[in-house]
C-alpha atoms as a PDB file:
ATOM      1  CA  UNK A   1     108.418 119.821  74.859  1.00  0.00           C
ATOM      2  CA  UNK A   2     107.462 121.281  78.260  1.00  0.00           C
ATOM      3  CA  UNK A   3     106.427 119.553  81.484  1.00  0.00           C
ATOM      4  CA  UNK A   4     102.680 119.519  80.741  1.00  0.00           C
ATOM      5  CA  UNK A   5     102.882 117.061  77.818  1.00  0.00           C
ATOM      6  CA  UNK A   6     105.166 114.824  79.879  1.00  0.00           C
ATOM      7  CA  UNK A   7     102.662 114.669  82.753  1.00  0.00           C
ATOM      8  CA  UNK A   8      99.882 113.824  80.313  1.00  0.00           C
ATOM      9  CA  UNK A   9     101.971 111.038  78.813  1.00  0.00           C
ATOM     10  CA  UNK A  10     102.607 109.627  82.292  1.00  0.00           C
ATOM     11  CA  UNK A  11      98.901 109.515  83.172  1.00  0.00           C
ATOM     12  CA  UNK A  12      97.964 108.082  79.779  1.00  0.00           C
ATOM     13  CA  UNK A  13     100.644 105.389  80.023  1.00  0.00           C
ATOM     14  CA  UNK A  14      99.342 104.322  83.435  1.00  0.00           C
ATOM     15  CA  UNK A  15      95.687 104.317  82.367  1.00  0.00           C
ATOM     16  CA  UNK A  16      96.373 102.428  79.120  1.00  0.00           C
ATOM     17  CA  UNK A  17      97.164  99.284  81.141  1.00  0.00           C
ATOM     18  CA  UNK A  18      93.421  98.830  81.777  1.00  0.00           C
ATOM     19  CA  UNK A  19      91.969  95.816  79.988  1.00  0.00           C
ATOM     20  CA  UNK A  20      88.397  94.549  80.042  1.00  0.00           C
ATOM     21  CA  UNK A  21      89.384  91.326  78.264  1.00  0.00           C
ATOM     22  CA  UNK A  22      91.951  90.589  80.969  1.00  0.00           C
ATOM     23  CA  UNK A  23      89.393  90.883  83.741  1.00  0.00           C
ATOM     24  CA  UNK A  24      89.431  94.672  84.188  1.00  0.00           C
ATOM     25  CA  UNK A  25      93.022  94.711  85.386  1.00  0.00           C
ATOM     26  CA  UNK A  26      95.383  97.676  85.419  1.00  0.00           C
ATOM     27  CA  UNK A  27      94.173 101.190  84.781  1.00  0.00           C
ATOM     28  CA  UNK A  28      94.926 104.390  86.662  1.00  0.00           C
ATOM     29  CA  UNK A  29      96.285 102.512  89.666  1.00  0.00           C
ATOM     30  CA  UNK A  30      99.964 103.486  89.807  1.00  0.00           C
ATOM     31  CA  UNK A  31     100.812 100.402  87.773  1.00  0.00           C
ATOM     32  CA  UNK A  32     103.907 102.010  86.263  1.00  0.00           C
ATOM     33  CA  UNK A  33     105.589 101.866  89.686  1.00  0.00           C
ATOM     34  CA  UNK A  34     105.609  98.072  89.308  1.00  0.00           C
ATOM     35  CA  UNK A  35     107.853  98.147  86.246  1.00  0.00           C
ATOM     36  CA  UNK A  36     111.632  98.072  86.504  1.00  0.00           C
ATOM     37  CA  UNK A  37     113.281 101.057  84.818  1.00  0.00           C
ATOM     38  CA  UNK A  38     114.499  98.798  82.032  1.00  0.00           C
ATOM     39  CA  UNK A  39     110.993  97.496  81.290  1.00  0.00           C
ATOM     40  CA  UNK A  40     109.141 100.806  81.577  1.00  0.00           C
ATOM     41  CA  UNK A  41     107.783 102.223  78.328  1.00  0.00           C
ATOM     42  CA  UNK A  42     110.653 104.342  76.916  1.00  0.00           C
ATOM     43  CA  UNK A  43     111.053 107.813  78.373  1.00  0.00           C
ATOM     44  CA  UNK A  44     108.808 107.398  81.415  1.00  0.00           C
ATOM     45  CA  UNK A  45     111.605 106.741  83.909  1.00  0.00           C
ATOM     46  CA  UNK A  46     112.711 110.348  83.346  1.00  0.00           C
ATOM     47  CA  UNK A  47     109.197 111.730  83.906  1.00  0.00           C
ATOM     48  CA  UNK A  48     108.120 109.944  87.085  1.00  0.00           C
ATOM     49  CA  UNK A  49     110.643 111.655  89.422  1.00  0.00           C
ATOM     50  CA  UNK A  50     109.028 115.051  88.710  1.00  0.00           C
ATOM     51  CA  UNK A  51     106.182 114.180  91.089  1.00  0.00           C
ATOM     52  CA  UNK A  52     108.121 112.404  93.840  1.00  0.00           C
ATOM     53  CA  UNK A  53     108.247 115.577  95.960  1.00  0.00           C
ATOM     54  CA  UNK A  54     104.439 115.655  96.014  1.00  0.00           C
ATOM     55  CA  UNK A  55     104.367 112.052  97.199  1.00  0.00           C
ATOM     56  CA  UNK A  56     106.767 112.945 100.020  1.00  0.00           C
ATOM     57  CA  UNK A  57     104.580 115.894 101.032  1.00  0.00           C
ATOM     58  CA  UNK A  58     101.394 113.812 100.773  1.00  0.00           C
ATOM     59  CA  UNK A  59     102.416 110.253 101.717  1.00  0.00           C
ATOM     60  CA  UNK A  60      98.806 109.085 102.106  1.00  0.00           C
ATOM     61  CA  UNK A  61      97.965 110.037  98.532  1.00  0.00           C
ATOM     62  CA  UNK A  62      98.336 107.261  95.976  1.00  0.00           C
ATOM     63  CA  UNK A  63     100.659 107.671  93.025  1.00  0.00           C
ATOM     64  CA  UNK A  64      97.612 107.209  90.810  1.00  0.00           C
ATOM     65  CA  UNK A  65      95.829 110.164  92.424  1.00  0.00           C
ATOM     66  CA  UNK A  66      98.922 112.359  92.186  1.00  0.00           C
ATOM     67  CA  UNK A  67      99.494 111.498  88.526  1.00  0.00           C
ATOM     68  CA  UNK A  68      95.813 111.980  87.653  1.00  0.00           C
ATOM     69  CA  UNK A  69      95.685 115.334  89.440  1.00  0.00           C
ATOM     70  CA  UNK A  70      98.880 116.489  87.716  1.00  0.00           C
ATOM     71  CA  UNK A  71      97.407 115.538  84.337  1.00  0.00           C
ATOM     72  CA  UNK A  72      94.171 117.402  85.082  1.00  0.00           C
ATOM     73  CA  UNK A  73      96.107 120.530  86.031  1.00  0.00           C
ATOM     74  CA  UNK A  74      98.325 120.143  82.960  1.00  0.00           C
ATOM     75  CA  UNK A  75      95.268 120.385  80.704  1.00  0.00           C
ATOM     76  CA  UNK A  76      93.970 123.606  82.247  1.00  0.00           C
ATOM     77  CA  UNK A  77      97.482 125.103  82.371  1.00  0.00           C
ATOM     78  CA  UNK A  78      97.878 124.323  78.666  1.00  0.00           C
ATOM     79  CA  UNK A  79      95.004 126.679  77.793  1.00  0.00           C
ATOM     80  CA  UNK A  80      92.548 123.821  77.923  1.00  0.00           C
ATOM     81  CA  UNK A  81      89.284 123.417  79.836  1.00  0.00           C
ATOM     82  CA  UNK A  82      89.001 122.680  83.545  1.00  0.00           C
ATOM     83  CA  UNK A  83      88.948 118.930  84.122  1.00  0.00           C
ATOM     84  CA  UNK A  84      86.899 117.635  87.092  1.00  0.00           C
ATOM     85  CA  UNK A  85      89.055 115.623  89.472  1.00  0.00           C
ATOM     86  CA  UNK A  86      88.141 113.050  92.102  1.00  0.00           C
ATOM     87  CA  UNK A  87      90.609 111.355  94.423  1.00  0.00           C
ATOM     88  CA  UNK A  88      90.309 107.838  95.811  1.00  0.00           C
ATOM     89  CA  UNK A  89      92.426 105.762  93.423  1.00  0.00           C
ATOM     90  CA  UNK A  90      94.347 102.954  95.094  1.00  0.00           C
ATOM     91  CA  UNK A  91      97.740 101.853  93.837  1.00  0.00           C
ATOM     92  CA  UNK A  92      98.030  98.194  92.915  1.00  0.00           C
ATOM     93  CA  UNK A  93     100.798  96.015  94.301  1.00  0.00           C
ATOM     94  CA  UNK A  94     102.871  93.329  92.615  1.00  0.00           C
ATOM     95  CA  UNK A  95     100.432  90.561  93.570  1.00  0.00           C
ATOM     96  CA  UNK A  96      97.524  92.399  91.933  1.00  0.00           C
ATOM     97  CA  UNK A  97      99.021  93.358  88.583  1.00  0.00           C
ATOM     98  CA  UNK A  98     101.528  91.965  86.110  1.00  0.00           C
ATOM     99  CA  UNK A  99     103.102  94.694  83.924  1.00  0.00           C
ATOM    100  CA  UNK A 100     102.120  94.357  80.281  1.00  0.00           C
ATOM    101  CA  UNK A 101     104.193  96.696  78.067  1.00  0.00           C
ATOM    102  CA  UNK A 102     102.499  95.260  74.974  1.00  0.00           C
ATOM    103  CA  UNK A 103      99.380  97.289  75.801  1.00  0.00           C
ATOM    104  CA  UNK A 104     101.195 100.560  75.108  1.00  0.00           C
ATOM    105  CA  UNK A 105     100.184 102.057  71.718  1.00  0.00           C
ATOM    106  CA  UNK A 106     102.741 101.780  68.928  1.00  0.00           C
ATOM    107  CA  UNK A 107     103.517 104.244  66.155  1.00  0.00           C
ATOM    108  CA  UNK A 108     103.215 101.471  63.585  1.00  0.00           C
ATOM    109  CA  UNK A 109      99.645 100.562  64.533  1.00  0.00           C
ATOM    110  CA  UNK A 110      96.809 100.857  62.049  1.00  0.00           C
ATOM    111  CA  UNK A 111      93.311 102.119  62.846  1.00  0.00           C
ATOM    112  CA  UNK A 112      92.000  98.646  63.674  1.00  0.00           C
ATOM    113  CA  UNK A 113      94.753  98.084  66.225  1.00  0.00           C
ATOM    114  CA  UNK A 114      94.098 101.490  67.793  1.00  0.00           C
ATOM    115  CA  UNK A 115      90.393 100.682  68.067  1.00  0.00           C
ATOM    116  CA  UNK A 116      91.108  97.264  69.572  1.00  0.00           C
ATOM    117  CA  UNK A 117      93.277  98.755  72.334  1.00  0.00           C
ATOM    118  CA  UNK A 118      90.984 101.625  73.293  1.00  0.00           C
ATOM    119  CA  UNK A 119      87.739  99.677  72.981  1.00  0.00           C
ATOM    120  CA  UNK A 120      89.263  97.124  75.372  1.00  0.00           C
ATOM    121  CA  UNK A 121      89.432 100.045  77.798  1.00  0.00           C
ATOM    122  CA  UNK A 122      85.733 100.726  77.299  1.00  0.00           C
ATOM    123  CA  UNK A 123      86.233 103.798  75.119  1.00  0.00           C
ATOM    124  CA  UNK A 124      84.166 104.534  72.022  1.00  0.00           C
ATOM    125  CA  UNK A 125      85.684 105.714  68.746  1.00  0.00           C
ATOM    126  CA  UNK A 126      84.586 109.262  69.529  1.00  0.00           C
ATOM    127  CA  UNK A 127      86.076 109.172  73.036  1.00  0.00           C
ATOM    128  CA  UNK A 128      89.297 107.749  71.632  1.00  0.00           C
ATOM    129  CA  UNK A 129      89.623 110.549  69.105  1.00  0.00           C
ATOM    130  CA  UNK A 130      88.786 113.216  71.685  1.00  0.00           C
ATOM    131  CA  UNK A 131      91.630 111.922  73.863  1.00  0.00           C
ATOM    132  CA  UNK A 132      93.918 111.994  70.822  1.00  0.00           C
ATOM    133  CA  UNK A 133      93.809 115.790  71.036  1.00  0.00           C
ATOM    134  CA  UNK A 134      96.772 115.286  73.382  1.00  0.00           C
ATOM    135  CA  UNK A 135      98.776 113.987  70.408  1.00  0.00           C
ATOM    136  CA  UNK A 136      99.131 117.612  69.396  1.00  0.00           C
ATOM    137  CA  UNK A 137     101.157 118.363  72.531  1.00  0.00           C
ATOM    138  CA  UNK A 138     104.846 117.825  73.158  1.00  0.00           C
ATOM    139  CA  UNK A 139     107.055 116.239  70.555  1.00  0.00           C
ATOM    140  CA  UNK A 140     108.228 112.833  69.419  1.00  0.00           C
ATOM    141  CA  UNK A 141     111.763 111.783  70.344  1.00  0.00           C
ATOM    142  CA  UNK A 142     113.760 109.147  68.443  1.00  0.00           C
ATOM    143  CA  UNK A 143     115.058 107.581  71.663  1.00  0.00           C
ATOM    144  CA  UNK A 144     111.513 107.251  73.027  1.00  0.00           C
ATOM    145  CA  UNK A 145     109.193 106.429  70.135  1.00  0.00           C
ATOM    146  CA  UNK A 146     111.588 106.043  67.240  1.00  0.00           C
ATOM    147  CA  UNK A 147     110.024 109.104  65.605  1.00  0.00           C
ATOM    148  CA  UNK A 148     111.122 112.729  65.567  1.00  0.00           C
ATOM    149  CA  UNK A 149     109.288 116.049  65.526  1.00  0.00           C
ATOM    150  CA  UNK A 150     106.100 117.813  66.572  1.00  0.00           C
ATOM    151  CA  UNK A 151     102.681 116.905  65.216  1.00  0.00           C
ATOM    152  CA  UNK A 152     101.558 120.547  65.420  1.00  0.00           C
ATOM    153  CA  UNK A 153     103.213 123.977  65.597  1.00  0.00           C
ATOM    154  CA  UNK A 154     101.482 124.569  68.979  1.00  0.00           C
ATOM    155  CA  UNK A 155     103.023 121.785  71.020  1.00  0.00           C
ATOM    156  CA  UNK A 156     102.729 123.443  74.446  1.00  0.00           C
ATOM    157  CA  UNK A 157      98.961 123.910  74.253  1.00  0.00           C
ATOM    158  CA  UNK A 158      95.978 121.635  73.833  1.00  0.00           C
ATOM    159  CA  UNK A 159      94.060 122.732  70.755  1.00  0.00           C
ATOM    160  CA  UNK A 160      92.357 121.111  67.782  1.00  0.00           C
ATOM    161  CA  UNK A 161      95.523 121.655  65.713  1.00  0.00           C
ATOM    162  CA  UNK A 162      96.297 117.918  65.617  1.00  0.00           C
ATOM    163  CA  UNK A 163      93.013 117.243  63.850  1.00  0.00           C
ATOM    164  CA  UNK A 164      93.500 120.171  61.485  1.00  0.00           C
ATOM    165  CA  UNK A 165      96.899 118.760  60.557  1.00  0.00           C
ATOM    166  CA  UNK A 166      95.375 115.368  59.785  1.00  0.00           C
ATOM    167  CA  UNK A 167      92.824 116.926  57.432  1.00  0.00           C
ATOM    168  CA  UNK A 168      95.798 118.328  55.520  1.00  0.00           C
ATOM    169  CA  UNK A 169      97.398 114.924  55.086  1.00  0.00           C
ATOM    170  CA  UNK A 170      98.091 115.601  51.406  1.00  0.00           C
ATOM    171  CA  UNK A 171     100.699 118.158  52.516  1.00  0.00           C
ATOM    172  CA  UNK A 172     102.702 115.402  54.246  1.00  0.00           C
ATOM    173  CA  UNK A 173     105.303 113.324  52.430  1.00  0.00           C
ATOM    174  CA  UNK A 174     106.402 109.891  53.608  1.00  0.00           C
ATOM    175  CA  UNK A 175     110.076 109.654  54.535  1.00  0.00           C
ATOM    176  CA  UNK A 176     111.264 106.090  54.002  1.00  0.00           C
ATOM    177  CA  UNK A 177     114.449 106.760  55.968  1.00  0.00           C
ATOM    178  CA  UNK A 178     112.646 108.168  59.031  1.00  0.00           C
ATOM    179  CA  UNK A 179     109.599 105.909  58.512  1.00  0.00           C
ATOM    180  CA  UNK A 180     107.271 108.807  59.273  1.00  0.00           C
ATOM    181  CA  UNK A 181     105.241 111.434  57.449  1.00  0.00           C
ATOM    182  CA  UNK A 182     106.798 114.901  57.243  1.00  0.00           C
ATOM    183  CA  UNK A 183     105.465 118.349  56.400  1.00  0.00           C
ATOM    184  CA  UNK A 184     108.519 120.461  55.633  1.00  0.00           C
ATOM    185  CA  UNK A 185     106.509 123.691  55.376  1.00  0.00           C
ATOM    186  CA  UNK A 186     105.077 123.519  58.909  1.00  0.00           C
ATOM    187  CA  UNK A 187     108.045 121.516  60.253  1.00  0.00           C
ATOM    188  CA  UNK A 188     105.722 118.885  61.668  1.00  0.00           C
ATOM    189  CA  UNK A 189     105.591 115.103  61.476  1.00  0.00           C
ATOM    190  CA  UNK A 190     103.142 112.238  61.938  1.00  0.00           C
ATOM    191  CA  UNK A 191     103.604 108.590  62.813  1.00  0.00           C
ATOM    192  CA  UNK A 192     102.014 105.946  60.573  1.00  0.00           C
ATOM    193  CA  UNK A 193      99.423 105.358  63.317  1.00  0.00           C
ATOM    194  CA  UNK A 194      98.366 109.015  63.115  1.00  0.00           C
ATOM    195  CA  UNK A 195      97.880 108.889  59.364  1.00  0.00           C
ATOM    196  CA  UNK A 196      95.953 105.613  59.583  1.00  0.00           C
ATOM    197  CA  UNK A 197      93.108 107.451  61.309  1.00  0.00           C
ATOM    198  CA  UNK A 198      92.185 109.064  58.003  1.00  0.00           C
ATOM    199  CA  UNK A 199      91.738 105.646  56.393  1.00  0.00           C
ATOM    200  CA  UNK A 200      89.002 104.679  58.840  1.00  0.00           C
ATOM    201  CA  UNK A 201      85.490 106.034  58.281  1.00  0.00           C
ATOM    202  CA  UNK A 202      84.589 106.399  61.967  1.00  0.00           C
ATOM    203  CA  UNK A 203      87.883 107.917  63.103  1.00  0.00           C
ATOM    204  CA  UNK A 204      88.054 110.167  60.053  1.00  0.00           C
ATOM    205  CA  UNK A 205      84.594 111.525  60.812  1.00  0.00           C
ATOM    206  CA  UNK A 206      85.634 112.485  64.342  1.00  0.00           C
ATOM    207  CA  UNK A 207      88.868 114.044  63.070  1.00  0.00           C
ATOM    208  CA  UNK A 208      86.952 116.200  60.613  1.00  0.00           C
ATOM    209  CA  UNK A 209      84.378 117.275  63.210  1.00  0.00           C
ATOM    210  CA  UNK A 210      87.059 118.306  65.683  1.00  0.00           C
ATOM    211  CA  UNK A 211      89.149 120.048  63.033  1.00  0.00           C
ATOM    212  CA  UNK A 212      86.130 122.184  62.172  1.00  0.00           C
ATOM    213  CA  UNK A 213      84.948 122.863  65.720  1.00  0.00           C
ATOM    214  CA  UNK A 214      87.340 123.280  68.666  1.00  0.00           C
ATOM    215  CA  UNK A 215      84.446 123.900  71.069  1.00  0.00           C
ATOM    216  CA  UNK A 216      82.942 120.529  70.182  1.00  0.00           C
ATOM    217  CA  UNK A 217      86.328 118.890  70.644  1.00  0.00           C
ATOM    218  CA  UNK A 218      86.734 120.278  74.158  1.00  0.00           C
ATOM    219  CA  UNK A 219      83.127 119.398  75.020  1.00  0.00           C
ATOM    220  CA  UNK A 220      83.854 115.777  74.109  1.00  0.00           C
ATOM    221  CA  UNK A 221      87.394 115.773  75.480  1.00  0.00           C
ATOM    222  CA  UNK A 222      86.590 116.539  79.120  1.00  0.00           C
ATOM    223  CA  UNK A 223      84.307 113.545  79.887  1.00  0.00           C
ATOM    224  CA  UNK A 224      86.506 111.224  77.802  1.00  0.00           C
ATOM    225  CA  UNK A 225      89.628 112.336  79.672  1.00  0.00           C
ATOM    226  CA  UNK A 226      87.909 111.993  83.051  1.00  0.00           C
ATOM    227  CA  UNK A 227      86.839 108.478  82.036  1.00  0.00           C
ATOM    228  CA  UNK A 228      90.439 107.653  81.097  1.00  0.00           C
ATOM    229  CA  UNK A 229      91.733 108.884  84.459  1.00  0.00           C
ATOM    230  CA  UNK A 230      89.156 106.858  86.386  1.00  0.00           C
ATOM    231  CA  UNK A 231      89.743 103.496  84.707  1.00  0.00           C
ATOM    232  CA  UNK A 232      90.463 100.761  87.198  1.00  0.00           C
END
Protein backbone atom coordinates (compact mmCIF):
# COMPACT_ATOMS: atom_id res chain seq x y z
CA UNK A 1 0.00 0.00 0.00
CA UNK A 2 3.01 2.35 0.25
CA UNK A 3 4.25 4.47 3.14
CA UNK A 4 2.23 7.59 2.25
CA UNK A 5 -1.20 6.06 2.99
CA UNK A 6 0.15 4.65 6.25
CA UNK A 7 1.35 8.08 7.41
CA UNK A 8 -2.03 9.58 6.54
CA UNK A 9 -3.80 6.87 8.53
CA UNK A 10 -1.56 7.60 11.52
CA UNK A 11 -2.35 11.33 11.49
CA UNK A 12 -6.06 10.72 10.94
CA UNK A 13 -6.20 8.18 13.78
CA UNK A 14 -4.58 10.67 16.16
CA UNK A 15 -6.81 13.58 15.10
CA UNK A 16 -10.02 11.51 15.26
CA UNK A 17 -9.72 11.39 19.07
CA UNK A 18 -10.88 15.03 19.21
CA UNK A 19 -14.34 15.43 20.73
CA UNK A 20 -16.29 18.62 21.31
CA UNK A 21 -18.92 16.78 23.38
CA UNK A 22 -16.21 15.48 25.70
CA UNK A 23 -14.88 18.95 26.41
CA UNK A 24 -12.62 19.36 23.37
CA UNK A 25 -10.30 16.57 24.45
CA UNK A 26 -7.89 14.63 22.26
CA UNK A 27 -7.08 15.72 18.74
CA UNK A 28 -3.73 16.01 17.01
CA UNK A 29 -1.82 15.85 20.28
CA UNK A 30 0.18 12.62 20.06
CA UNK A 31 -2.62 10.81 21.86
CA UNK A 32 -1.81 7.49 20.21
CA UNK A 33 1.42 7.33 22.24
CA UNK A 34 -0.77 6.89 25.33
CA UNK A 35 -2.26 3.62 24.12
CA UNK A 36 -0.65 0.27 24.87
CA UNK A 37 0.16 -1.71 21.73
CA UNK A 38 -2.67 -4.10 22.50
CA UNK A 39 -5.23 -1.29 22.74
CA UNK A 40 -4.06 0.74 19.75
CA UNK A 41 -6.38 0.77 16.76
CA UNK A 42 -5.32 -2.27 14.67
CA UNK A 43 -2.30 -1.81 12.45
CA UNK A 44 -1.00 1.43 13.94
CA UNK A 45 1.67 -0.16 16.13
CA UNK A 46 3.47 -1.15 12.92
CA UNK A 47 3.26 2.38 11.47
CA UNK A 48 4.42 4.52 14.39
CA UNK A 49 8.05 3.28 14.43
CA UNK A 50 8.59 4.70 10.91
CA UNK A 51 8.92 8.20 12.39
CA UNK A 52 10.90 7.42 15.54
CA UNK A 53 14.19 8.38 13.85
CA UNK A 54 12.81 11.88 13.24
CA UNK A 55 11.90 12.17 16.91
CA UNK A 56 15.45 11.18 17.87
CA UNK A 57 16.88 13.79 15.49
CA UNK A 58 14.42 16.45 16.68
CA UNK A 59 13.76 15.65 20.36
CA UNK A 60 12.10 19.02 21.02
CA UNK A 61 9.48 18.41 18.34
CA UNK A 62 6.25 16.85 19.55
CA UNK A 63 5.05 13.57 18.12
CA UNK A 64 1.93 15.43 16.99
CA UNK A 65 3.99 17.91 14.96
CA UNK A 66 6.09 15.14 13.41
CA UNK A 67 3.03 13.08 12.46
CA UNK A 68 1.19 16.12 11.08
CA UNK A 69 4.21 17.19 9.03
CA UNK A 70 4.67 13.66 7.68
CA UNK A 71 1.01 13.58 6.64
CA UNK A 72 1.29 16.96 4.91
CA UNK A 73 4.34 15.79 2.96
CA UNK A 74 2.60 12.50 2.14
CA UNK A 75 -0.19 14.40 0.38
CA UNK A 76 2.13 16.42 -1.84
CA UNK A 77 4.32 13.37 -2.55
CA UNK A 78 1.20 11.46 -3.61
CA UNK A 79 0.61 13.89 -6.49
CA UNK A 80 -1.66 15.99 -4.33
CA UNK A 81 -1.62 19.71 -3.54
CA UNK A 82 0.78 21.42 -1.15
CA UNK A 83 -0.68 21.44 2.35
CA UNK A 84 0.20 24.42 4.60
CA UNK A 85 1.86 23.27 7.81
CA UNK A 86 2.26 24.99 11.17
CA UNK A 87 4.15 23.56 14.12
CA UNK A 88 3.35 24.15 17.78
CA UNK A 89 1.26 21.11 18.73
CA UNK A 90 1.88 19.84 22.24
CA UNK A 91 1.64 16.16 23.09
CA UNK A 92 -0.80 15.27 25.84
CA UNK A 93 0.24 13.16 28.80
CA UNK A 94 -1.63 10.40 30.61
CA UNK A 95 -3.21 12.82 33.10
CA UNK A 96 -4.66 14.94 30.28
CA UNK A 97 -6.21 12.29 28.06
CA UNK A 98 -7.88 8.91 28.44
CA UNK A 99 -7.60 6.78 25.26
CA UNK A 100 -10.98 6.18 23.64
CA UNK A 101 -10.73 3.56 20.86
CA UNK A 102 -14.50 3.76 20.35
CA UNK A 103 -14.03 7.08 18.53
CA UNK A 104 -12.23 5.37 15.65
CA UNK A 105 -14.50 5.02 12.57
CA UNK A 106 -15.82 1.55 11.83
CA UNK A 107 -16.45 -0.11 8.48
CA UNK A 108 -19.95 -1.06 9.58
CA UNK A 109 -21.03 2.51 10.29
CA UNK A 110 -23.89 4.12 8.41
CA UNK A 111 -23.97 7.72 7.19
CA UNK A 112 -25.57 9.01 10.39
CA UNK A 113 -22.82 7.49 12.52
CA UNK A 114 -20.15 8.95 10.25
CA UNK A 115 -21.75 12.39 10.52
CA UNK A 116 -22.03 12.11 14.30
CA UNK A 117 -18.31 11.35 14.68
CA UNK A 118 -16.99 14.02 12.33
CA UNK A 119 -19.45 16.72 13.37
CA UNK A 120 -18.30 16.12 16.96
CA UNK A 121 -14.88 17.15 15.64
CA UNK A 122 -16.34 20.37 14.26
CA UNK A 123 -16.30 19.24 10.63
CA UNK A 124 -19.12 19.93 8.19
CA UNK A 125 -20.49 17.31 5.81
CA UNK A 126 -18.52 18.87 2.97
CA UNK A 127 -15.28 18.92 4.97
CA UNK A 128 -15.85 15.31 5.99
CA UNK A 129 -16.28 14.19 2.40
CA UNK A 130 -13.26 16.18 1.23
CA UNK A 131 -11.14 14.37 3.82
CA UNK A 132 -12.59 11.06 2.63
CA UNK A 133 -10.56 11.51 -0.56
CA UNK A 134 -7.86 9.72 1.46
CA UNK A 135 -10.06 6.60 1.44
CA UNK A 136 -8.89 6.12 -2.13
CA UNK A 137 -5.31 5.59 -0.95
CA UNK A 138 -3.68 2.44 0.36
CA UNK A 139 -5.66 -0.74 0.80
CA UNK A 140 -7.80 -2.50 3.36
CA UNK A 141 -6.27 -5.43 5.24
CA UNK A 142 -8.30 -8.20 6.89
CA UNK A 143 -6.10 -8.19 9.99
CA UNK A 144 -6.55 -4.43 10.41
CA UNK A 145 -10.10 -3.53 9.37
CA UNK A 146 -11.62 -6.91 8.66
CA UNK A 147 -11.95 -5.94 5.00
CA UNK A 148 -9.74 -6.70 2.02
CA UNK A 149 -8.81 -4.82 -1.14
CA UNK A 150 -8.33 -1.37 -2.63
CA UNK A 151 -11.14 1.14 -3.01
CA UNK A 152 -9.58 2.50 -6.22
CA UNK A 153 -7.09 1.30 -8.84
CA UNK A 154 -4.82 4.28 -7.98
CA UNK A 155 -4.05 3.51 -4.36
CA UNK A 156 -0.67 5.27 -4.17
CA UNK A 157 -2.02 8.67 -5.23
CA UNK A 158 -4.63 11.06 -3.92
CA UNK A 159 -7.20 11.65 -6.64
CA UNK A 160 -10.97 11.89 -6.93
CA UNK A 161 -11.09 8.20 -7.93
CA UNK A 162 -12.75 7.20 -4.64
CA UNK A 163 -15.71 9.44 -5.41
CA UNK A 164 -15.89 8.24 -9.00
CA UNK A 165 -16.03 4.67 -7.73
CA UNK A 166 -18.91 5.51 -5.41
CA UNK A 167 -20.92 7.00 -8.27
CA UNK A 168 -20.57 3.61 -9.96
CA UNK A 169 -22.01 1.74 -7.00
CA UNK A 170 -24.26 -0.33 -9.26
CA UNK A 171 -21.12 -2.09 -10.54
CA UNK A 172 -20.40 -3.40 -7.03
CA UNK A 173 -21.86 -6.65 -5.73
CA UNK A 174 -22.25 -7.42 -2.03
CA UNK A 175 -20.25 -10.41 -0.83
CA UNK A 176 -22.00 -11.96 2.16
CA UNK A 177 -18.92 -14.02 3.01
CA UNK A 178 -16.53 -11.04 3.01
CA UNK A 179 -19.22 -8.63 4.25
CA UNK A 180 -18.07 -6.00 1.77
CA UNK A 181 -18.94 -4.70 -1.68
CA UNK A 182 -16.76 -5.97 -4.53
CA UNK A 183 -16.19 -4.85 -8.11
CA UNK A 184 -14.57 -7.80 -9.85
CA UNK A 185 -13.91 -5.85 -13.06
CA UNK A 186 -11.80 -3.13 -11.41
CA UNK A 187 -10.63 -5.44 -8.59
CA UNK A 188 -11.74 -2.93 -5.98
CA UNK A 189 -13.84 -3.14 -2.84
CA UNK A 190 -15.85 -0.92 -0.51
CA UNK A 191 -16.82 -1.24 3.13
CA UNK A 192 -20.50 -0.87 4.09
CA UNK A 193 -19.65 2.56 5.54
CA UNK A 194 -18.37 3.69 2.13
CA UNK A 195 -21.53 2.61 0.35
CA UNK A 196 -23.74 4.23 2.99
CA UNK A 197 -22.56 7.65 1.82
CA UNK A 198 -24.67 7.27 -1.31
CA UNK A 199 -27.81 6.79 0.79
CA UNK A 200 -27.44 10.21 2.40
CA UNK A 201 -28.53 13.28 0.44
CA UNK A 202 -25.83 15.62 1.77
CA UNK A 203 -22.93 13.17 1.51
CA UNK A 204 -24.10 11.94 -1.88
CA UNK A 205 -24.15 15.50 -3.20
CA UNK A 206 -20.53 16.04 -2.17
CA UNK A 207 -19.50 12.68 -3.64
CA UNK A 208 -21.06 13.59 -6.98
CA UNK A 209 -19.48 17.06 -7.03
CA UNK A 210 -16.02 15.68 -6.32
CA UNK A 211 -16.41 12.83 -8.80
CA UNK A 212 -17.16 15.38 -11.50
CA UNK A 213 -14.51 17.94 -10.55
CA UNK A 214 -11.10 16.97 -9.12
CA UNK A 215 -10.03 20.62 -8.93
CA UNK A 216 -12.98 21.41 -6.67
CA UNK A 217 -12.16 18.39 -4.53
CA UNK A 218 -8.58 19.53 -3.97
CA UNK A 219 -9.73 23.11 -3.33
CA UNK A 220 -11.97 21.83 -0.54
CA UNK A 221 -9.56 19.15 0.66
CA UNK A 222 -6.66 21.41 1.64
CA UNK A 223 -8.44 23.60 4.25
CA UNK A 224 -10.38 20.59 5.57
CA UNK A 225 -7.18 18.57 5.98
CA UNK A 226 -5.39 21.48 7.66
CA UNK A 227 -8.35 21.80 10.04
CA UNK A 228 -8.12 18.08 10.83
CA UNK A 229 -4.40 18.34 11.59
CA UNK A 230 -4.90 21.33 13.89
CA UNK A 231 -7.67 19.89 16.06
CA UNK A 232 -6.83 20.05 19.73
